[in-house]
C-alpha atoms as a PDB file:
ATOM      1  CA  MET A   1       7.645  11.956  -3.437  1.00  0.00           C
ATOM      2  CA  ARG A   2       4.704   9.705  -3.688  1.00  0.00           C
ATOM      3  CA  ARG A   3       4.032   6.279  -5.388  1.00  0.00           C
ATOM      4  CA  LEU A   4       0.911   4.837  -6.678  1.00  0.00           C
ATOM      5  CA  LEU A   5       0.432   1.181  -7.079  1.00  0.00           C
ATOM      6  CA  TRP A   6      -2.976  -0.632  -8.894  1.00  0.00           C
ATOM      7  CA  TRP A   7      -3.480  -4.405  -7.690  1.00  0.00           C
ATOM      8  CA  PRO A   8      -5.553  -6.395  -9.949  1.00  0.00           C
ATOM      9  CA  PRO A   9      -8.656  -8.344  -8.264  1.00  0.00           C
ATOM     10  CA  THR A  10      -7.052 -11.458  -8.731  1.00  0.00           C
ATOM     11  CA  ARG A  11      -4.375 -10.617  -6.191  1.00  0.00           C
ATOM     12  CA  LEU A  12      -6.892  -9.432  -3.588  1.00  0.00           C
ATOM     13  CA  THR A  13      -8.602 -11.329  -0.597  1.00  0.00           C
ATOM     14  CA  HIS A  14     -12.270 -10.381  -0.432  1.00  0.00           C
ATOM     15  CA  TRP A  15     -12.100  -8.225  -3.642  1.00  0.00           C
ATOM     16  CA  TRP A  16     -15.830  -7.727  -3.689  1.00  0.00           C
ATOM     17  CA  LEU A  17     -15.895  -5.777  -0.498  1.00  0.00           C
ATOM     18  CA  PRO A  18     -15.318  -2.217  -0.814  1.00  0.00           C
ATOM     19  CA  ARG A  19     -12.941  -0.605   1.934  1.00  0.00           C
ATOM     20  CA  ALA A  20     -10.060   1.638   2.709  1.00  0.00           C
ATOM     21  CA  PHE A  21      -7.177   1.076   5.081  1.00  0.00           C
ATOM     22  CA  ARG A  22      -3.578   2.207   6.194  1.00  0.00           C
ATOM     23  CA  GLY A  23      -0.744   0.176   6.066  1.00  0.00           C
ATOM     24  CA  ALA A  24       3.215   0.607   5.062  1.00  0.00           C
ATOM     25  CA  ASP A  25       5.583  -1.240   2.828  1.00  0.00           C
ATOM     26  CA  GLU A  26       9.012  -3.186   3.955  1.00  0.00           C
ATOM     27  CA  TYR A  27      10.511   0.294   3.944  1.00  0.00           C
ATOM     28  CA  CYS A  28       8.376   1.718   6.457  1.00  0.00           C
ATOM     29  CA  ASN A  29       6.594   4.011   3.886  1.00  0.00           C
ATOM     30  CA  PRO A  30       3.161   4.737   5.119  1.00  0.00           C
ATOM     31  CA  SER A  31       0.440   3.704   2.483  1.00  0.00           C
ATOM     32  CA  ILE A  32      -3.264   3.983   2.247  1.00  0.00           C
ATOM     33  CA  ALA A  33      -5.137   1.448   0.080  1.00  0.00           C
ATOM     34  CA  VAL A  34      -8.565   1.457  -1.290  1.00  0.00           C
ATOM     35  CA  ILE A  35     -10.452  -1.445  -2.795  1.00  0.00           C
ATOM     36  CA  ILE A  36     -12.750  -0.688  -5.434  1.00  0.00           C
ATOM     37  CA  PRO A  37     -14.637  -3.558  -6.689  1.00  0.00           C
ATOM     38  CA  PRO A  38     -14.540  -4.966  -9.206  1.00  0.00           C
ATOM     39  CA  LEU A  39     -11.521  -3.007 -10.652  1.00  0.00           C
ATOM     40  CA  GLY A  40      -9.047  -4.087  -7.808  1.00  0.00           C
ATOM     41  CA  ALA A  41      -6.925  -1.687  -5.314  1.00  0.00           C
ATOM     42  CA  VAL A  42      -5.236   1.437  -5.492  1.00  0.00           C
ATOM     43  CA  VAL A  43      -2.416   1.783  -3.094  1.00  0.00           C
ATOM     44  CA  TRP A  44      -0.899   5.066  -2.326  1.00  0.00           C
ATOM     45  CA  PHE A  45       2.324   5.350  -0.749  1.00  0.00           C
ATOM     46  CA  TRP A  46       3.397   9.131   0.721  1.00  0.00           C
ATOM     47  CA  ARG A  47       5.714  10.626   3.506  1.00  0.00           C
ATOM     48  CA  PRO A  48       7.381  13.766   3.754  1.00  0.00           C
ATOM     49  CA  GLY A  49      10.370  14.105   1.524  1.00  0.00           C
ATOM     50  CA  PRO A  50      11.690  11.296  -0.555  1.00  0.00           C
ATOM     51  CA  LEU A  51      10.394   7.557   0.155  1.00  0.00           C
ATOM     52  CA  ARG A  52      12.652   5.305   1.903  1.00  0.00           C
ATOM     53  CA  THR A  53      14.556   2.808  -0.592  1.00  0.00           C
ATOM     54  CA  GLU A  54      16.645   0.826   2.207  1.00  0.00           C
ATOM     55  CA  MET A  55      15.224  -1.831   4.620  1.00  0.00           C
ATOM     56  CA  ARG A  56      14.887  -0.221   8.011  1.00  0.00           C
ATOM     57  CA  GLU A  57      15.525  -2.331  11.353  1.00  0.00           C
ATOM     58  CA  GLU A  58      11.807  -1.450  13.315  1.00  0.00           C
ATOM     59  CA  CYS A  59      10.412  -2.638   9.680  1.00  0.00           C
ATOM     60  CA  ALA A  60      12.372  -5.742   9.152  1.00  0.00           C
ATOM     61  CA  SER A  61      11.322  -7.381  12.248  1.00  0.00           C
ATOM     62  CA  LEU A  62       7.601  -7.071  11.050  1.00  0.00           C
END
């Protein structure tokens, strides 16, 4: 399963700089984010199988 989010430019730091980076949410679901000025950012959460919906110990400490 995958999840796609859009963040408006008002919620981003340095929204005018185009870039792409990897990250994860609070449930350890990996993500790829792409900032597209002036539209905002698109964040794609993915992992093999279903996305996690419960907090994981290794991610809670982050």
